[in-house]
Amino acid sequence: MAFGGTDLQCDLDRISVHFVRLGEGIPLLGLHGMGGDHTEMLFELEPLLSKRGGWQRIYLDLPGHGRTPGADWITSIAQVFELLSRFVEAVLGDARFVVAGSSYGAYMAQGLVHRFGGRLDGLWMNVPAVTYPRANRVRPARTVIREDAKARAEMADAGASWYSEIAVADGPAVCEYARAIAAGATDQAFLSGLDETGSWFQGQSPPEPLHHCRPFRSTPQPPLQPTRSRSEDLARR
């Protein structure tokens, strides 16, 4: 599935961050999960946003993902968040914006709420990670509600061996989504070496303006919208 867009680079001293920009209007920053790249958020959001006017979508590759390299001086997820904050300042300036994140990206989005809350017009989170290190998470038992052995074998052949560990409802749409994630390049050595000690914003209540946000709809307004199905397992990433 091709979405187009303009490939750009944001140079931040010792690292260059790759991102894709589509459309014009209110900036919407898309943050992917651990082990994916910007393609993941394209897949999640573009089927909706490409049909609506008024949104400038910005999808970046976080360090160690896609076309943004890992760097030996980045040693923790707290540093990744600080780098993301600098990206926001460099690319968006003083503009108001909306942030959308999935899993690890949703964790980073929560930090942006605290740092840039006065400028945010909305927050959308899919299977948000809320606690780091991952070893400290308390989760219910994993429940598979629909399993397709053929689909799982095809995903393994496509290089997505992790699919069988996280998918809970097999089907064509889920497989297509998994292929989009699997297509992204990741620096596994860099990612596995990151210190997962929780960032300064972890566990804090969001700023007051976001306590009363309304659900996301088709017209720009200040939304706060977490999404997670009862049997969702992607937050394990």
Protein backbone atom coordinates (compact mmCIF):
# COMPACT_ATOMS: atom_id res chain seq x y z
CA MET A 1 0.00 0.00 0.00
CA ALA A 2 1.65 3.26 -1.18
CA PHE A 3 0.92 6.56 0.55
CA GLY A 4 3.37 8.95 -1.11
CA GLY A 5 4.58 12.03 0.69
CA THR A 6 7.81 14.03 0.71
CA ASP A 7 10.93 12.47 2.25
CA LEU A 8 12.82 14.98 4.38
CA GLN A 9 15.69 15.10 6.88
CA CYS A 10 15.93 17.14 10.08
CA ASP A 11 19.56 17.70 11.09
CA LEU A 12 19.99 17.90 14.86
CA ASP A 13 23.71 18.32 15.53
CA ARG A 14 24.99 14.75 15.70
CA ILE A 15 22.04 12.96 14.10
CA SER A 16 19.75 13.40 11.10
CA VAL A 17 16.12 12.38 11.63
CA HIS A 18 14.19 11.12 8.63
CA PHE A 19 10.53 12.04 8.24
CA VAL A 20 7.75 12.07 5.65
CA ARG A 21 5.32 14.97 5.23
CA LEU A 22 1.92 14.85 3.55
CA GLY A 23 -0.87 17.41 3.17
CA GLU A 24 -1.42 20.92 4.46
CA GLY A 25 -3.14 22.26 7.54
CA ILE A 26 -2.92 21.53 11.27
CA PRO A 27 0.33 19.61 11.95
CA LEU A 28 -0.20 16.03 13.13
CA LEU A 29 2.89 14.21 14.38
CA GLY A 30 2.81 10.41 14.03
CA LEU A 31 5.05 8.31 16.33
CA HIS A 32 5.53 4.60 15.62
CA GLY A 33 6.07 1.68 17.99
CA MET A 34 9.28 -0.08 18.99
CA GLY A 35 10.63 -2.14 16.11
CA GLY A 36 8.57 -0.39 13.42
CA ASP A 37 9.20 2.81 11.50
CA HIS A 38 7.16 5.69 10.06
CA THR A 39 5.44 3.23 7.68
CA GLU A 40 3.53 1.82 10.66
CA MET A 41 1.84 5.15 11.34
CA LEU A 42 1.23 5.77 7.64
CA PHE A 43 -0.64 2.48 7.60
CA GLU A 44 -2.63 3.31 10.72
CA LEU A 45 -3.60 6.91 9.94
CA GLU A 46 -3.47 7.62 6.22
CA PRO A 47 -6.56 5.57 5.28
CA LEU A 48 -8.45 8.07 7.46
CA LEU A 49 -6.55 11.32 7.12
CA SER A 50 -5.78 11.19 3.39
CA LYS A 51 -9.53 11.55 2.74
CA ARG A 52 -9.84 14.68 4.89
CA GLY A 53 -8.53 18.14 4.28
CA GLY A 54 -6.88 20.37 6.82
CA TRP A 55 -4.16 18.08 8.19
CA GLN A 56 -0.40 18.26 7.63
CA ARG A 57 0.84 14.80 8.60
CA ILE A 58 4.43 14.36 9.77
CA TYR A 59 5.67 10.80 10.25
CA LEU A 60 9.21 10.37 11.55
CA ASP A 61 11.57 7.47 12.13
CA LEU A 62 12.71 7.46 15.75
CA PRO A 63 16.42 6.67 16.34
CA GLY A 64 17.34 3.11 15.40
CA HIS A 65 14.26 2.75 13.18
CA GLY A 66 13.83 3.09 9.43
CA ARG A 67 16.12 5.73 7.93
CA THR A 68 17.10 7.38 11.22
CA PRO A 69 20.23 5.68 12.53
CA GLY A 70 20.99 4.69 16.08
CA ALA A 71 23.93 6.55 17.61
CA ASP A 72 26.38 5.42 20.27
CA TRP A 73 25.78 8.59 22.31
CA ILE A 74 22.05 7.79 22.60
CA THR A 75 21.89 5.27 25.43
CA SER A 76 18.38 5.60 26.90
CA ILE A 77 14.74 6.13 25.96
CA ALA A 78 14.93 9.34 28.02
CA GLN A 79 17.50 10.65 25.52
CA VAL A 80 15.28 9.57 22.63
CA PHE A 81 12.49 11.68 24.13
CA GLU A 82 14.77 14.72 24.43
CA LEU A 83 15.78 14.27 20.79
CA LEU A 84 12.11 14.05 19.81
CA SER A 85 11.43 17.30 21.66
CA ARG A 86 14.19 18.98 19.67
CA PHE A 87 12.68 17.61 16.46
CA VAL A 88 9.33 19.19 17.37
CA GLU A 89 11.00 22.54 18.01
CA ALA A 90 12.98 22.38 14.77
CA VAL A 91 10.20 21.21 12.44
CA LEU A 92 7.10 22.77 14.00
CA GLY A 93 8.54 25.89 15.61
CA ASP A 94 5.82 27.58 17.68
CA ALA A 95 2.91 26.02 15.76
CA ARG A 96 0.08 24.25 17.55
CA PHE A 97 -0.15 20.55 16.70
CA VAL A 98 -1.75 17.16 17.33
CA VAL A 99 0.26 14.07 18.27
CA ALA A 100 -0.62 10.45 17.50
CA GLY A 101 1.41 7.54 18.85
CA SER A 102 1.35 3.75 18.91
CA SER A 103 2.85 1.69 21.77
CA TYR A 104 6.40 3.08 22.32
CA GLY A 105 5.42 6.08 20.21
CA ALA A 106 2.41 6.66 22.48
CA TYR A 107 4.77 6.64 25.47
CA MET A 108 6.76 9.41 23.79
CA ALA A 109 3.51 11.21 22.97
CA GLN A 110 2.65 11.29 26.67
CA GLY A 111 5.93 13.10 27.28
CA LEU A 112 5.08 15.65 24.59
CA VAL A 113 1.80 16.32 26.41
CA HIS A 114 3.78 17.37 29.47
CA ARG A 115 6.38 19.37 27.56
CA PHE A 116 4.18 21.02 24.95
CA GLY A 117 0.70 20.68 26.46
CA GLY A 118 -0.11 24.35 26.00
CA ARG A 119 0.38 23.97 22.24
CA LEU A 120 -1.40 20.65 21.73
CA ASP A 121 -4.75 20.49 19.97
CA GLY A 122 -5.10 16.78 20.54
CA LEU A 123 -3.66 13.41 21.53
CA TRP A 124 -4.41 10.01 19.96
CA MET A 125 -2.86 6.84 21.38
CA ASN A 126 -3.06 3.28 20.13
CA VAL A 127 -2.09 0.47 22.54
CA PRO A 128 -0.08 2.99 24.60
CA ALA A 129 2.90 1.89 26.63
CA VAL A 130 2.62 3.57 30.03
CA THR A 131 5.42 1.95 32.03
CA TYR A 132 9.14 1.45 31.48
CA PRO A 133 11.15 -0.69 32.06
CA ARG A 134 8.98 -3.28 30.35
CA ALA A 135 9.88 -5.82 33.04
CA ASN A 136 7.84 -3.74 35.51
CA ARG A 137 4.59 -4.01 33.56
CA VAL A 138 1.67 -5.97 34.99
CA ARG A 139 -0.45 -7.42 32.17
CA PRO A 140 -3.36 -9.83 31.97
CA ALA A 141 -2.77 -13.24 30.43
CA ARG A 142 -2.52 -13.16 26.64
CA THR A 143 -5.69 -14.44 24.95
CA VAL A 144 -5.80 -15.43 21.27
CA ILE A 145 -9.35 -15.06 19.99
CA ARG A 146 -8.82 -16.10 16.34
CA GLU A 147 -5.83 -18.12 15.10
CA ASP A 148 -4.91 -19.00 11.53
CA ALA A 149 -1.91 -21.34 11.24
CA LYS A 150 -1.46 -20.56 7.53
CA ALA A 151 -1.34 -16.81 8.18
CA ARG A 152 1.22 -17.30 10.94
CA ALA A 153 3.40 -19.44 8.69
CA GLU A 154 3.22 -16.80 5.93
CA MET A 155 4.25 -14.09 8.40
CA ALA A 156 7.22 -16.16 9.57
CA ASP A 157 8.29 -16.67 5.92
CA ALA A 158 7.99 -12.89 5.40
CA GLY A 159 10.47 -12.26 8.21
CA ALA A 160 7.85 -11.33 10.81
CA SER A 161 8.56 -14.13 13.27
CA TRP A 162 7.33 -11.87 16.09
CA TYR A 163 3.82 -11.91 14.59
CA SER A 164 2.86 -15.14 16.37
CA GLU A 165 3.97 -13.62 19.69
CA ILE A 166 1.73 -10.56 19.52
CA ALA A 167 -1.22 -11.18 17.17
CA VAL A 168 -4.47 -12.13 18.92
CA ALA A 169 -6.93 -12.09 15.98
CA ASP A 170 -5.53 -13.36 12.69
CA GLY A 171 -6.98 -12.07 9.45
CA PRO A 172 -6.03 -10.38 6.15
CA ALA A 173 -6.04 -6.84 7.56
CA VAL A 174 -3.87 -7.83 10.54
CA CYS A 175 -1.41 -9.60 8.24
CA GLU A 176 -1.20 -6.58 5.96
CA TYR A 177 -0.50 -4.38 8.97
CA ALA A 178 2.20 -6.80 10.17
CA ARG A 179 3.84 -6.78 6.72
CA ALA A 180 3.96 -2.97 6.84
CA ILE A 181 5.77 -3.12 10.19
CA ALA A 182 8.09 -5.93 9.07
CA ALA A 183 9.15 -3.93 6.01
CA GLY A 184 10.82 -1.33 8.20
CA ALA A 185 14.54 -1.59 8.97
CA THR A 186 15.57 -1.54 12.64
CA ASP A 187 18.91 -1.44 14.43
CA GLN A 188 18.23 -4.22 16.93
CA ALA A 189 21.62 -3.91 18.64
CA PHE A 190 20.98 -0.22 19.29
CA LEU A 191 17.41 -0.75 20.51
CA SER A 192 18.25 -3.66 22.80
CA GLY A 193 20.98 -1.56 24.41
CA LEU A 194 18.73 1.36 25.37
CA ASP A 195 18.33 2.01 29.09
CA GLU A 196 14.58 1.70 29.72
CA THR A 197 14.54 3.60 33.01
CA GLY A 198 11.28 5.56 32.99
CA SER A 199 11.40 9.16 31.82
CA TRP A 200 10.65 12.12 34.10
CA PHE A 201 7.02 12.36 32.90
CA GLN A 202 6.10 8.73 33.65
CA GLY A 203 3.22 8.41 36.09
CA GLN A 204 2.38 12.11 36.16
CA SER A 205 -1.13 13.43 35.53
CA PRO A 206 -1.59 15.25 32.20
CA PRO A 207 -1.76 19.05 32.18
CA GLU A 208 -5.19 20.46 33.04
CA PRO A 209 -6.16 21.49 29.45
CA LEU A 210 -6.17 17.85 28.34
CA HIS A 211 -8.41 16.56 31.15
CA HIS A 212 -11.52 17.79 29.34
CA CYS A 213 -10.73 16.98 25.70
CA ARG A 214 -13.50 15.63 23.50
CA PRO A 215 -13.25 12.47 21.32
CA PHE A 216 -11.56 12.72 17.93
CA ARG A 217 -13.97 13.44 15.06
CA SER A 218 -13.68 14.48 11.42
CA THR A 219 -13.29 18.18 12.13
CA PRO A 220 -10.25 19.65 13.90
CA GLN A 221 -10.96 20.12 17.60
CA PRO A 222 -9.01 19.36 20.80
CA PRO A 223 -9.20 15.55 21.06
CA LEU A 224 -7.90 13.04 23.59
CA GLN A 225 -8.42 9.54 22.23
CA PRO A 226 -6.70 6.37 23.51
CA THR A 227 -7.67 3.18 21.66
CA ARG A 228 -7.17 -0.40 22.75
CA SER A 229 -9.33 -3.46 22.30
CA ARG A 230 -10.08 -5.69 25.29
CA SER A 231 -7.92 -8.50 23.88
CA GLU A 232 -5.23 -6.30 22.33
CA ASP A 233 -1.70 -7.59 22.72
CA LEU A 234 0.34 -5.15 20.64
CA ALA A 235 1.15 -3.15 23.76
CA ARG A 236 3.56 -5.97 24.60
CA ARG A 237 6.02 -4.44 22.12
